[in-house]
């Protein structure tokens, strides 16, 4: 910058520096956020596993266990209601979040 002072008056030097700063800011592209596609794919796989056929089979086994406990007279209503509410949360959770999440 010392060499430019010899060639440019003070007003022109300030304009020159402002022009260079503006060119640098306008020509550079903002950095994009890091891609998290690997993590997203993994978490989508976990959700698909829980709400897919495996989750349906586990839920069916839990409901069958409630039925057997009812059949044998050892029914615990708190346990049964918590199982049913848990199944509703597991299968309704993904749908609920998809409904409120931005596209």
PDB file of N, CA and C in Angstrom:
ATOM      1  N   UNK A   1       0.823  -1.180   0.000  1.00  0.00           N
ATOM      2  CA  UNK A   1       0.000   0.000   0.000  1.00  0.00           C
ATOM      3  C   UNK A   1       0.867   1.242   0.000  1.00  0.00           C
ATOM      4  N   UNK A   2       2.067   1.147   0.512  1.00  0.00           N
ATOM      5  CA  UNK A   2       2.973   2.287   0.575  1.00  0.00           C
ATOM      6  C   UNK A   2       3.300   2.789  -0.825  1.00  0.00           C
ATOM      7  N   UNK A   3       3.431   1.878  -1.768  1.00  0.00           N
ATOM      8  CA  UNK A   3       3.769   2.272  -3.137  1.00  0.00           C
ATOM      9  C   UNK A   3       2.600   2.961  -3.820  1.00  0.00           C
ATOM     10  N   UNK A   4       1.381   2.587  -3.443  1.00  0.00           N
ATOM     11  CA  UNK A   4       0.215   3.220  -4.054  1.00  0.00           C
ATOM     12  C   UNK A   4       0.066   4.670  -3.624  1.00  0.00           C
ATOM     13  N   UNK A   5       0.541   5.019  -2.421  1.00  0.00           N
ATOM     14  CA  UNK A   5       0.428   6.397  -1.947  1.00  0.00           C
ATOM     15  C   UNK A   5       1.192   7.358  -2.844  1.00  0.00           C
ATOM     16  N   UNK A   6       2.236   6.864  -3.436  1.00  0.00           N
ATOM     17  CA  UNK A   6       3.007   7.728  -4.339  1.00  0.00           C
ATOM     18  C   UNK A   6       2.233   8.024  -5.611  1.00  0.00           C
ATOM     19  N   UNK A   7       1.373   7.117  -6.024  1.00  0.00           N
ATOM     20  CA  UNK A   7       0.678   7.270  -7.296  1.00  0.00           C
ATOM     21  C   UNK A   7      -0.726   7.841  -7.150  1.00  0.00           C
ATOM     22  N   UNK A   8      -1.342   7.663  -6.001  1.00  0.00           N
ATOM     23  CA  UNK A   8      -2.731   8.073  -5.827  1.00  0.00           C
ATOM     24  C   UNK A   8      -2.860   9.081  -4.686  1.00  0.00           C
ATOM     25  N   UNK A   9      -3.690  10.102  -4.879  1.00  0.00           N
ATOM     26  CA  UNK A   9      -3.987  10.988  -3.746  1.00  0.00           C
ATOM     27  C   UNK A   9      -4.792  10.230  -2.688  1.00  0.00           C
ATOM     28  N   UNK A  10      -4.944  10.801  -1.484  1.00  0.00           N
ATOM     29  CA  UNK A  10      -5.601  10.102  -0.374  1.00  0.00           C
ATOM     30  C   UNK A  10      -7.040   9.726  -0.693  1.00  0.00           C
ATOM     31  N   UNK A  11      -7.809  10.618  -1.315  1.00  0.00           N
ATOM     32  CA  UNK A  11      -9.199  10.303  -1.661  1.00  0.00           C
ATOM     33  C   UNK A  11      -9.259   9.141  -2.632  1.00  0.00           C
ATOM     34  N   UNK A  12      -8.398   9.182  -3.611  1.00  0.00           N
ATOM     35  CA  UNK A  12      -8.394   8.108  -4.602  1.00  0.00           C
ATOM     36  C   UNK A  12      -7.937   6.781  -3.993  1.00  0.00           C
ATOM     37  N   UNK A  13      -7.032   6.830  -3.039  1.00  0.00           N
ATOM     38  CA  UNK A  13      -6.563   5.602  -2.392  1.00  0.00           C
ATOM     39  C   UNK A  13      -7.698   4.952  -1.611  1.00  0.00           C
ATOM     40  N   UNK A  14      -8.476   5.765  -0.921  1.00  0.00           N
ATOM     41  CA  UNK A  14      -9.608   5.232  -0.171  1.00  0.00           C
ATOM     42  C   UNK A  14     -10.650   4.627  -1.106  1.00  0.00           C
ATOM     43  N   UNK A  15     -10.913   5.300  -2.210  1.00  0.00           N
ATOM     44  CA  UNK A  15     -11.858   4.770  -3.197  1.00  0.00           C
ATOM     45  C   UNK A  15     -11.328   3.474  -3.805  1.00  0.00           C
ATOM     46  N   UNK A  16     -10.021   3.451  -4.061  1.00  0.00           N
ATOM     47  CA  UNK A  16      -9.405   2.273  -4.650  1.00  0.00           C
ATOM     48  C   UNK A  16      -9.524   1.070  -3.708  1.00  0.00           C
ATOM     49  N   UNK A  17      -9.225   1.284  -2.429  1.00  0.00           N
ATOM     50  CA  UNK A  17      -9.312   0.203  -1.448  1.00  0.00           C
ATOM     51  C   UNK A  17     -10.760  -0.259  -1.298  1.00  0.00           C
ATOM     52  N   UNK A  18     -11.702   0.685  -1.269  1.00  0.00           N
ATOM     53  CA  UNK A  18     -13.117   0.326  -1.167  1.00  0.00           C
ATOM     54  C   UNK A  18     -13.561  -0.482  -2.379  1.00  0.00           C
ATOM     55  N   UNK A  19     -13.059  -0.099  -3.559  1.00  0.00           N
ATOM     56  CA  UNK A  19     -13.408  -0.823  -4.777  1.00  0.00           C
ATOM     57  C   UNK A  19     -12.846  -2.249  -4.740  1.00  0.00           C
ATOM     58  N   UNK A  20     -11.616  -2.411  -4.268  1.00  0.00           N
ATOM     59  CA  UNK A  20     -11.004  -3.743  -4.181  1.00  0.00           C
ATOM     60  C   UNK A  20     -11.778  -4.613  -3.185  1.00  0.00           C
ATOM     61  N   UNK A  21     -12.134  -4.027  -2.036  1.00  0.00           N
ATOM     62  CA  UNK A  21     -12.900  -4.780  -1.036  1.00  0.00           C
ATOM     63  C   UNK A  21     -14.252  -5.194  -1.602  1.00  0.00           C
ATOM     64  N   UNK A  22     -14.918  -4.285  -2.307  1.00  0.00           N
ATOM     65  CA  UNK A  22     -16.216  -4.602  -2.904  1.00  0.00           C
ATOM     66  C   UNK A  22     -16.082  -5.706  -3.947  1.00  0.00           C
ATOM     67  N   UNK A  23     -15.032  -5.647  -4.762  1.00  0.00           N
ATOM     68  CA  UNK A  23     -14.832  -6.684  -5.784  1.00  0.00           C
ATOM     69  C   UNK A  23     -14.590  -8.044  -5.138  1.00  0.00           C
ATOM     70  N   UNK A  24     -13.804  -8.069  -4.069  1.00  0.00           N
ATOM     71  CA  UNK A  24     -13.525  -9.338  -3.392  1.00  0.00           C
ATOM     72  C   UNK A  24     -14.805  -9.905  -2.776  1.00  0.00           C
ATOM     73  N   UNK A  25     -15.588  -9.036  -2.132  1.00  0.00           N
ATOM     74  CA  UNK A  25     -16.822  -9.508  -1.505  1.00  0.00           C
ATOM     75  C   UNK A  25     -17.849  -9.977  -2.525  1.00  0.00           C
ATOM     76  N   UNK A  26     -17.936  -9.293  -3.650  1.00  0.00           N
ATOM     77  CA  UNK A  26     -18.925  -9.666  -4.662  1.00  0.00           C
ATOM     78  C   UNK A  26     -18.502 -10.871  -5.485  1.00  0.00           C
ATOM     79  N   UNK A  27     -17.210 -11.055  -5.651  1.00  0.00           N
ATOM     80  CA  UNK A  27     -16.756 -12.153  -6.502  1.00  0.00           C
ATOM     81  C   UNK A  27     -16.650 -13.474  -5.746  1.00  0.00           C
ATOM     82  N   UNK A  28     -16.549 -13.416  -4.430  1.00  0.00           N
ATOM     83  CA  UNK A  28     -16.437 -14.665  -3.676  1.00  0.00           C
ATOM     84  C   UNK A  28     -17.825 -15.228  -3.403  1.00  0.00           C
ATOM     85  N   UNK A  29     -17.931 -16.525  -3.521  1.00  0.00           N
ATOM     86  CA  UNK A  29     -19.219 -17.165  -3.232  1.00  0.00           C
ATOM     87  C   UNK A  29     -19.230 -17.584  -1.769  1.00  0.00           C
ATOM     88  N   UNK A  30     -20.359 -17.470  -1.114  1.00  0.00           N
ATOM     89  CA  UNK A  30     -20.407 -17.870   0.296  1.00  0.00           C
ATOM     90  C   UNK A  30     -20.203 -19.373   0.424  1.00  0.00           C
ATOM     91  N   UNK A  31     -19.558 -19.757   1.492  1.00  0.00           N
ATOM     92  CA  UNK A  31     -19.315 -21.187   1.683  1.00  0.00           C
ATOM     93  C   UNK A  31     -20.625 -21.885   2.020  1.00  0.00           C
ATOM     94  N   UNK A  32     -20.794 -23.054   1.467  1.00  0.00           N
ATOM     95  CA  UNK A  32     -22.011 -23.817   1.733  1.00  0.00           C
ATOM     96  C   UNK A  32     -21.791 -24.680   2.965  1.00  0.00           C
ATOM     97  N   UNK A  33     -22.862 -25.021   3.595  1.00  0.00           N
ATOM     98  CA  UNK A  33     -22.773 -25.862   4.787  1.00  0.00           C
ATOM     99  C   UNK A  33     -22.275 -27.249   4.396  1.00  0.00           C
ATOM    100  N   UNK A  34     -21.640 -27.897   5.337  1.00  0.00           N
ATOM    101  CA  UNK A  34     -21.109 -29.228   5.067  1.00  0.00           C
ATOM    102  C   UNK A  34     -22.252 -30.193   4.793  1.00  0.00           C
ATOM    103  N   UNK A  35     -22.033 -31.079   3.864  1.00  0.00           N
ATOM    104  CA  UNK A  35     -23.029 -32.087   3.497  1.00  0.00           C
ATOM    105  C   UNK A  35     -23.115 -33.138   4.592  1.00  0.00           C
ATOM    106  N   UNK A  36     -24.304 -33.408   5.046  1.00  0.00           N
ATOM    107  CA  UNK A  36     -24.529 -34.438   6.053  1.00  0.00           C
ATOM    108  C   UNK A  36     -25.350 -35.577   5.470  1.00  0.00           C
ATOM    109  N   UNK A  37     -25.144 -35.886   4.200  1.00  0.00           N
ATOM    110  CA  UNK A  37     -25.966 -36.913   3.560  1.00  0.00           C
ATOM    111  C   UNK A  37     -25.724 -38.297   4.164  1.00  0.00           C
ATOM    112  N   UNK A  38     -24.503 -38.586   4.600  1.00  0.00           N
ATOM    113  CA  UNK A  38     -24.231 -39.887   5.201  1.00  0.00           C
ATOM    114  C   UNK A  38     -24.976 -40.080   6.504  1.00  0.00           C
ATOM    115  N   UNK A  39     -24.945 -39.049   7.342  1.00  0.00           N
ATOM    116  CA  UNK A  39     -25.654 -39.117   8.623  1.00  0.00           C
ATOM    117  C   UNK A  39     -27.157 -39.173   8.387  1.00  0.00           C
ATOM    118  N   UNK A  40     -27.633 -38.363   7.438  1.00  0.00           N
ATOM    119  CA  UNK A  40     -29.064 -38.336   7.136  1.00  0.00           C
ATOM    120  C   UNK A  40     -29.531 -39.689   6.624  1.00  0.00           C
ATOM    121  N   UNK A  41     -28.758 -40.300   5.738  1.00  0.00           N
ATOM    122  CA  UNK A  41     -29.130 -41.624   5.223  1.00  0.00           C
ATOM    123  C   UNK A  41     -29.158 -42.665   6.342  1.00  0.00           C
ATOM    124  N   UNK A  42     -28.191 -42.594   7.250  1.00  0.00           N
ATOM    125  CA  UNK A  42     -28.158 -43.541   8.371  1.00  0.00           C
ATOM    126  C   UNK A  42     -29.392 -43.377   9.254  1.00  0.00           C
ATOM    127  N   UNK A  43     -29.701 -42.125   9.606  1.00  0.00           N
ATOM    128  CA  UNK A  43     -30.857 -41.887  10.481  1.00  0.00           C
ATOM    129  C   UNK A  43     -32.169 -42.242   9.789  1.00  0.00           C
ATOM    130  N   UNK A  44     -32.258 -41.986   8.478  1.00  0.00           N
ATOM    131  CA  UNK A  44     -33.450 -42.417   7.741  1.00  0.00           C
ATOM    132  C   UNK A  44     -33.587 -43.935   7.763  1.00  0.00           C
ATOM    133  N   UNK A  45     -32.464 -44.632   7.678  1.00  0.00           N
ATOM    134  CA  UNK A  45     -32.488 -46.088   7.761  1.00  0.00           C
ATOM    135  C   UNK A  45     -32.958 -46.582   9.117  1.00  0.00           C
ATOM    136  N   UNK A  46     -32.539 -45.886  10.175  1.00  0.00           N
ATOM    137  CA  UNK A  46     -32.984 -46.258  11.524  1.00  0.00           C
ATOM    138  C   UNK A  46     -34.494 -46.069  11.651  1.00  0.00           C
ATOM    139  N   UNK A  47     -34.998 -44.935  11.161  1.00  0.00           N
ATOM    140  CA  UNK A  47     -36.443 -44.680  11.228  1.00  0.00           C
ATOM    141  C   UNK A  47     -37.202 -45.709  10.403  1.00  0.00           C
ATOM    142  N   UNK A  48     -36.698 -46.025   9.205  1.00  0.00           N
ATOM    143  CA  UNK A  48     -37.349 -47.044   8.370  1.00  0.00           C
ATOM    144  C   UNK A  48     -37.333 -48.400   9.059  1.00  0.00           C
ATOM    145  N   UNK A  49     -36.241 -48.720   9.744  1.00  0.00           N
ATOM    146  CA  UNK A  49     -36.167 -49.999  10.447  1.00  0.00           C
ATOM    147  C   UNK A  49     -37.157 -50.093  11.589  1.00  0.00           C
ATOM    148  N   UNK A  50     -37.318 -48.988  12.302  1.00  0.00           N
ATOM    149  CA  UNK A  50     -38.234 -48.997  13.450  1.00  0.00           C
ATOM    150  C   UNK A  50     -39.687 -48.997  12.992  1.00  0.00           C
ATOM    151  N   UNK A  51     -39.993 -48.214  11.964  1.00  0.00           N
ATOM    152  CA  UNK A  51     -41.390 -48.113  11.522  1.00  0.00           C
ATOM    153  C   UNK A  51     -41.729 -49.090  10.404  1.00  0.00           C
ATOM    154  N   UNK A  52     -40.759 -49.848   9.944  1.00  0.00           N
ATOM    155  CA  UNK A  52     -40.994 -50.795   8.857  1.00  0.00           C
ATOM    156  C   UNK A  52     -41.468 -52.147   9.373  1.00  0.00           C
ATOM    157  N   UNK A  53     -41.223 -53.191   8.598  1.00  0.00           N
ATOM    158  CA  UNK A  53     -41.691 -54.538   8.959  1.00  0.00           C
ATOM    159  C   UNK A  53     -41.142 -55.043  10.294  1.00  0.00           C
ATOM    160  N   UNK A  54     -39.911 -54.683  10.611  1.00  0.00           N
ATOM    161  CA  UNK A  54     -39.324 -55.110  11.884  1.00  0.00           C
ATOM    162  C   UNK A  54     -40.084 -54.497  13.057  1.00  0.00           C
ATOM    163  N   UNK A  55     -40.379 -53.220  12.959  1.00  0.00           N
ATOM    164  CA  UNK A  55     -41.140 -52.549  14.012  1.00  0.00           C
ATOM    165  C   UNK A  55     -42.546 -53.087  14.144  1.00  0.00           C
ATOM    166  N   UNK A  56     -43.158 -53.418  13.013  1.00  0.00           N
ATOM    167  CA  UNK A  56     -44.506 -54.000  13.043  1.00  0.00           C
ATOM    168  C   UNK A  56     -44.468 -55.359  13.743  1.00  0.00           C
ATOM    169  N   UNK A  57     -43.451 -56.161  13.457  1.00  0.00           N
ATOM    170  CA  UNK A  57     -43.340 -57.478  14.093  1.00  0.00           C
ATOM    171  C   UNK A  57     -43.129 -57.350  15.600  1.00  0.00           C
ATOM    172  N   UNK A  58     -42.279 -56.424  16.023  1.00  0.00           N
ATOM    173  CA  UNK A  58     -42.044 -56.221  17.457  1.00  0.00           C
ATOM    174  C   UNK A  58     -43.322 -55.742  18.147  1.00  0.00           C
ATOM    175  N   UNK A  59     -44.043 -54.837  17.478  1.00  0.00           N
ATOM    176  CA  UNK A  59     -45.304 -54.339  18.048  1.00  0.00           C
ATOM    177  C   UNK A  59     -46.333 -55.454  18.160  1.00  0.00           C
ATOM    178  N   UNK A  60     -46.387 -56.314  17.158  1.00  0.00           N
ATOM    179  CA  UNK A  60     -47.326 -57.440  17.205  1.00  0.00           C
ATOM    180  C   UNK A  60     -46.986 -58.381  18.354  1.00  0.00           C
ATOM    181  N   UNK A  61     -45.700 -58.629  18.561  1.00  0.00           N
ATOM    182  CA  UNK A  61     -45.286 -59.490  19.675  1.00  0.00           C
ATOM    183  C   UNK A  61     -45.676 -58.863  21.013  1.00  0.00           C
ATOM    184  N   UNK A  62     -45.529 -57.535  21.128  1.00  0.00           N
ATOM    185  CA  UNK A  62     -45.910 -56.855  22.375  1.00  0.00           C
ATOM    186  C   UNK A  62     -47.408 -56.960  22.621  1.00  0.00           C
ATOM    187  N   UNK A  63     -48.208 -56.791  21.579  1.00  0.00           N
ATOM    188  CA  UNK A  63     -49.664 -56.900  21.737  1.00  0.00           C
ATOM    189  C   UNK A  63     -50.052 -58.342  22.064  1.00  0.00           C
ATOM    190  N   UNK A  64     -49.386 -59.305  21.457  1.00  0.00           N
ATOM    191  CA  UNK A  64     -49.645 -60.717  21.770  1.00  0.00           C
ATOM    192  C   UNK A  64     -49.296 -61.006  23.230  1.00  0.00           C
ATOM    193  N   UNK A  65     -48.205 -60.421  23.720  1.00  0.00           N
ATOM    194  CA  UNK A  65     -47.828 -60.607  25.129  1.00  0.00           C
ATOM    195  C   UNK A  65     -48.887 -60.019  26.052  1.00  0.00           C
ATOM    196  N   UNK A  66     -49.460 -58.888  25.666  1.00  0.00           N
ATOM    197  CA  UNK A  66     -50.554 -58.310  26.459  1.00  0.00           C
ATOM    198  C   UNK A  66     -51.757 -59.261  26.457  1.00  0.00           C
ATOM    199  N   UNK A  67     -52.042 -59.831  25.291  1.00  0.00           N
ATOM    200  CA  UNK A  67     -53.154 -60.787  25.197  1.00  0.00           C
ATOM    201  C   UNK A  67     -52.940 -62.007  26.066  1.00  0.00           C
ATOM    202  N   UNK A  68     -51.717 -62.557  26.083  1.00  0.00           N
ATOM    203  CA  UNK A  68     -51.433 -63.719  26.929  1.00  0.00           C
ATOM    204  C   UNK A  68     -51.551 -63.374  28.408  1.00  0.00           C
ATOM    205  N   UNK A  69     -51.084 -62.185  28.779  1.00  0.00           N
ATOM    206  CA  UNK A  69     -51.200 -61.808  30.196  1.00  0.00           C
ATOM    207  C   UNK A  69     -52.666 -61.612  30.586  1.00  0.00           C
ATOM    208  N   UNK A  70     -53.468 -61.104  29.659  1.00  0.00           N
ATOM    209  CA  UNK A  70     -54.906 -60.960  29.921  1.00  0.00           C
ATOM    210  C   UNK A  70     -55.570 -62.333  30.023  1.00  0.00           C
ATOM    211  N   UNK A  71     -55.144 -63.250  29.151  1.00  0.00           N
ATOM    212  CA  UNK A  71     -55.726 -64.588  29.115  1.00  0.00           C
ATOM    213  C   UNK A  71     -55.402 -65.368  30.394  1.00  0.00           C
ATOM    214  N   UNK A  72     -54.236 -65.171  30.942  1.00  0.00           N
ATOM    215  CA  UNK A  72     -53.842 -65.910  32.146  1.00  0.00           C
ATOM    216  C   UNK A  72     -54.264 -65.215  33.432  1.00  0.00           C
ATOM    217  N   UNK A  73     -54.848 -64.037  33.330  1.00  0.00           N
ATOM    218  CA  UNK A  73     -55.321 -63.335  34.517  1.00  0.00           C
ATOM    219  C   UNK A  73     -54.274 -62.505  35.224  1.00  0.00           C
ATOM    220  N   UNK A  74     -53.162 -62.302  34.591  1.00  0.00           N
ATOM    221  CA  UNK A  74     -52.086 -61.498  35.182  1.00  0.00           C
ATOM    222  C   UNK A  74     -51.974 -60.139  34.493  1.00  0.00           C
ATOM    223  N   UNK A  75     -53.101 -59.609  34.115  1.00  0.00           N
ATOM    224  CA  UNK A  75     -53.122 -58.361  33.345  1.00  0.00           C
ATOM    225  C   UNK A  75     -52.759 -57.171  34.231  1.00  0.00           C
ATOM    226  N   UNK A  76     -51.791 -56.405  33.780  1.00  0.00           N
ATOM    227  CA  UNK A  76     -51.425 -55.153  34.432  1.00  0.00           C
ATOM    228  C   UNK A  76     -51.851 -54.037  33.480  1.00  0.00           C
ATOM    229  N   UNK A  77     -52.905 -53.333  33.823  1.00  0.00           N
ATOM    230  CA  UNK A  77     -53.469 -52.340  32.907  1.00  0.00           C
ATOM    231  C   UNK A  77     -52.493 -51.194  32.625  1.00  0.00           C
ATOM    232  N   UNK A  78     -51.703 -50.817  33.589  1.00  0.00           N
ATOM    233  CA  UNK A  78     -50.720 -49.754  33.365  1.00  0.00           C
ATOM    234  C   UNK A  78     -49.705 -50.185  32.312  1.00  0.00           C
ATOM    235  N   UNK A  79     -49.256 -51.437  32.417  1.00  0.00           N
ATOM    236  CA  UNK A  79     -48.311 -51.968  31.437  1.00  0.00           C
ATOM    237  C   UNK A  79     -48.947 -52.046  30.049  1.00  0.00           C
ATOM    238  N   UNK A  80     -50.189 -52.509  29.983  1.00  0.00           N
ATOM    239  CA  UNK A  80     -50.876 -52.645  28.694  1.00  0.00           C
ATOM    240  C   UNK A  80     -51.089 -51.290  28.030  1.00  0.00           C
ATOM    241  N   UNK A  81     -51.532 -50.320  28.810  1.00  0.00           N
ATOM    242  CA  UNK A  81     -51.764 -48.984  28.246  1.00  0.00           C
ATOM    243  C   UNK A  81     -50.447 -48.357  27.808  1.00  0.00           C
ATOM    244  N   UNK A  82     -49.386 -48.562  28.577  1.00  0.00           N
ATOM    245  CA  UNK A  82     -48.089 -47.989  28.185  1.00  0.00           C
ATOM    246  C   UNK A  82     -47.562 -48.630  26.902  1.00  0.00           C
ATOM    247  N   UNK A  83     -47.809 -49.924  26.708  1.00  0.00           N
ATOM    248  CA  UNK A  83     -47.407 -50.586  25.458  1.00  0.00           C
ATOM    249  C   UNK A  83     -48.173 -50.001  24.278  1.00  0.00           C
ATOM    250  N   UNK A  84     -49.476 -49.849  24.415  1.00  0.00           N
ATOM    251  CA  UNK A  84     -50.303 -49.325  23.319  1.00  0.00           C
ATOM    252  C   UNK A  84     -49.922 -47.879  22.999  1.00  0.00           C
ATOM    253  N   UNK A  85     -49.718 -47.062  24.029  1.00  0.00           N
ATOM    254  CA  UNK A  85     -49.314 -45.666  23.789  1.00  0.00           C
ATOM    255  C   UNK A  85     -47.923 -45.615  23.163  1.00  0.00           C
ATOM    256  N   UNK A  86     -47.033 -46.497  23.606  1.00  0.00           N
ATOM    257  CA  UNK A  86     -45.691 -46.551  23.011  1.00  0.00           C
ATOM    258  C   UNK A  86     -45.729 -46.910  21.536  1.00  0.00           C
ATOM    259  N   UNK A  87     -46.570 -47.867  21.170  1.00  0.00           N
ATOM    260  CA  UNK A  87     -46.721 -48.243  19.759  1.00  0.00           C
ATOM    261  C   UNK A  87     -47.266 -47.068  18.956  1.00  0.00           C
ATOM    262  N   UNK A  88     -48.240 -46.373  19.513  1.00  0.00           N
ATOM    263  CA  UNK A  88     -48.805 -45.210  18.814  1.00  0.00           C
ATOM    264  C   UNK A  88     -47.758 -44.120  18.621  1.00  0.00           C
ATOM    265  N   UNK A  89     -46.915 -43.900  19.621  1.00  0.00           N
ATOM    266  CA  UNK A  89     -45.873 -42.873  19.495  1.00  0.00           C
ATOM    267  C   UNK A  89     -44.827 -43.285  18.468  1.00  0.00           C
ATOM    268  N   UNK A  90     -44.424 -44.554  18.491  1.00  0.00           N
ATOM    269  CA  UNK A  90     -43.395 -45.009  17.543  1.00  0.00           C
ATOM    270  C   UNK A  90     -43.870 -44.865  16.104  1.00  0.00           C
ATOM    271  N   UNK A  91     -45.089 -45.317  15.830  1.00  0.00           N
ATOM    272  CA  UNK A  91     -45.554 -45.275  14.448  1.00  0.00           C
ATOM    273  C   UNK A  91     -46.125 -43.925  14.053  1.00  0.00           C
ATOM    274  N   UNK A  92     -46.591 -43.151  15.001  1.00  0.00           N
ATOM    275  CA  UNK A  92     -47.116 -41.829  14.677  1.00  0.00           C
ATOM    276  C   UNK A  92     -46.068 -40.740  14.713  1.00  0.00           C
ATOM    277  N   UNK A  93     -44.940 -41.011  15.358  1.00  0.00           N
ATOM    278  CA  UNK A  93     -43.908 -39.987  15.508  1.00  0.00           C
ATOM    279  C   UNK A  93     -43.318 -39.525  14.190  1.00  0.00           C
ATOM    280  N   UNK A  94     -42.968 -40.464  13.326  1.00  0.00           N
ATOM    281  CA  UNK A  94     -42.378 -40.098  12.036  1.00  0.00           C
ATOM    282  C   UNK A  94     -43.366 -39.314  11.187  1.00  0.00           C
ATOM    283  N   UNK A  95     -44.614 -39.725  11.193  1.00  0.00           N
ATOM    284  CA  UNK A  95     -45.642 -39.009  10.432  1.00  0.00           C
ATOM    285  C   UNK A  95     -45.868 -37.621  11.003  1.00  0.00           C
ATOM    286  N   UNK A  96     -45.883 -37.506  12.317  1.00  0.00           N
ATOM    287  CA  UNK A  96     -46.076 -36.209  12.963  1.00  0.00           C
ATOM    288  C   UNK A  96     -44.943 -35.248  12.614  1.00  0.00           C
ATOM    289  N   UNK A  97     -43.711 -35.724  12.692  1.00  0.00           N
ATOM    290  CA  UNK A  97     -42.561 -34.861  12.402  1.00  0.00           C
ATOM    291  C   UNK A  97     -42.536 -34.469  10.933  1.00  0.00           C
ATOM    292  N   UNK A  98     -42.878 -35.387  10.035  1.00  0.00           N
ATOM    293  CA  UNK A  98     -42.943 -35.044   8.613  1.00  0.00           C
ATOM    294  C   UNK A  98     -43.989 -33.975   8.351  1.00  0.00           C
ATOM    295  N   UNK A  99     -45.060 -33.983   9.129  1.00  0.00           N
ATOM    296  CA  UNK A  99     -46.118 -32.994   8.955  1.00  0.00           C
ATOM    297  C   UNK A  99     -45.720 -31.603   9.395  1.00  0.00           C
ATOM    298  N   UNK A 100     -44.891 -31.489  10.433  1.00  0.00           N
ATOM    299  CA  UNK A 100     -44.538 -30.161  10.928  1.00  0.00           C
ATOM    300  C   UNK A 100     -43.185 -29.675  10.438  1.00  0.00           C
ATOM    301  N   UNK A 101     -42.355 -30.571   9.903  1.00  0.00           N
ATOM    302  CA  UNK A 101     -41.018 -30.173   9.444  1.00  0.00           C
ATOM    303  C   UNK A 101     -41.114 -29.451   8.107  1.00  0.00           C
ATOM    304  N   UNK A 102     -40.239 -28.460   7.900  1.00  0.00           N
ATOM    305  CA  UNK A 102     -40.245 -27.783   6.598  1.00  0.00           C
ATOM    306  C   UNK A 102     -39.754 -28.719   5.503  1.00  0.00           C
ATOM    307  N   UNK A 103     -40.264 -28.532   4.324  1.00  0.00           N
ATOM    308  CA  UNK A 103     -39.917 -29.427   3.207  1.00  0.00           C
ATOM    309  C   UNK A 103     -38.535 -29.171   2.715  1.00  0.00           C
TER     310      UNK A 103
END
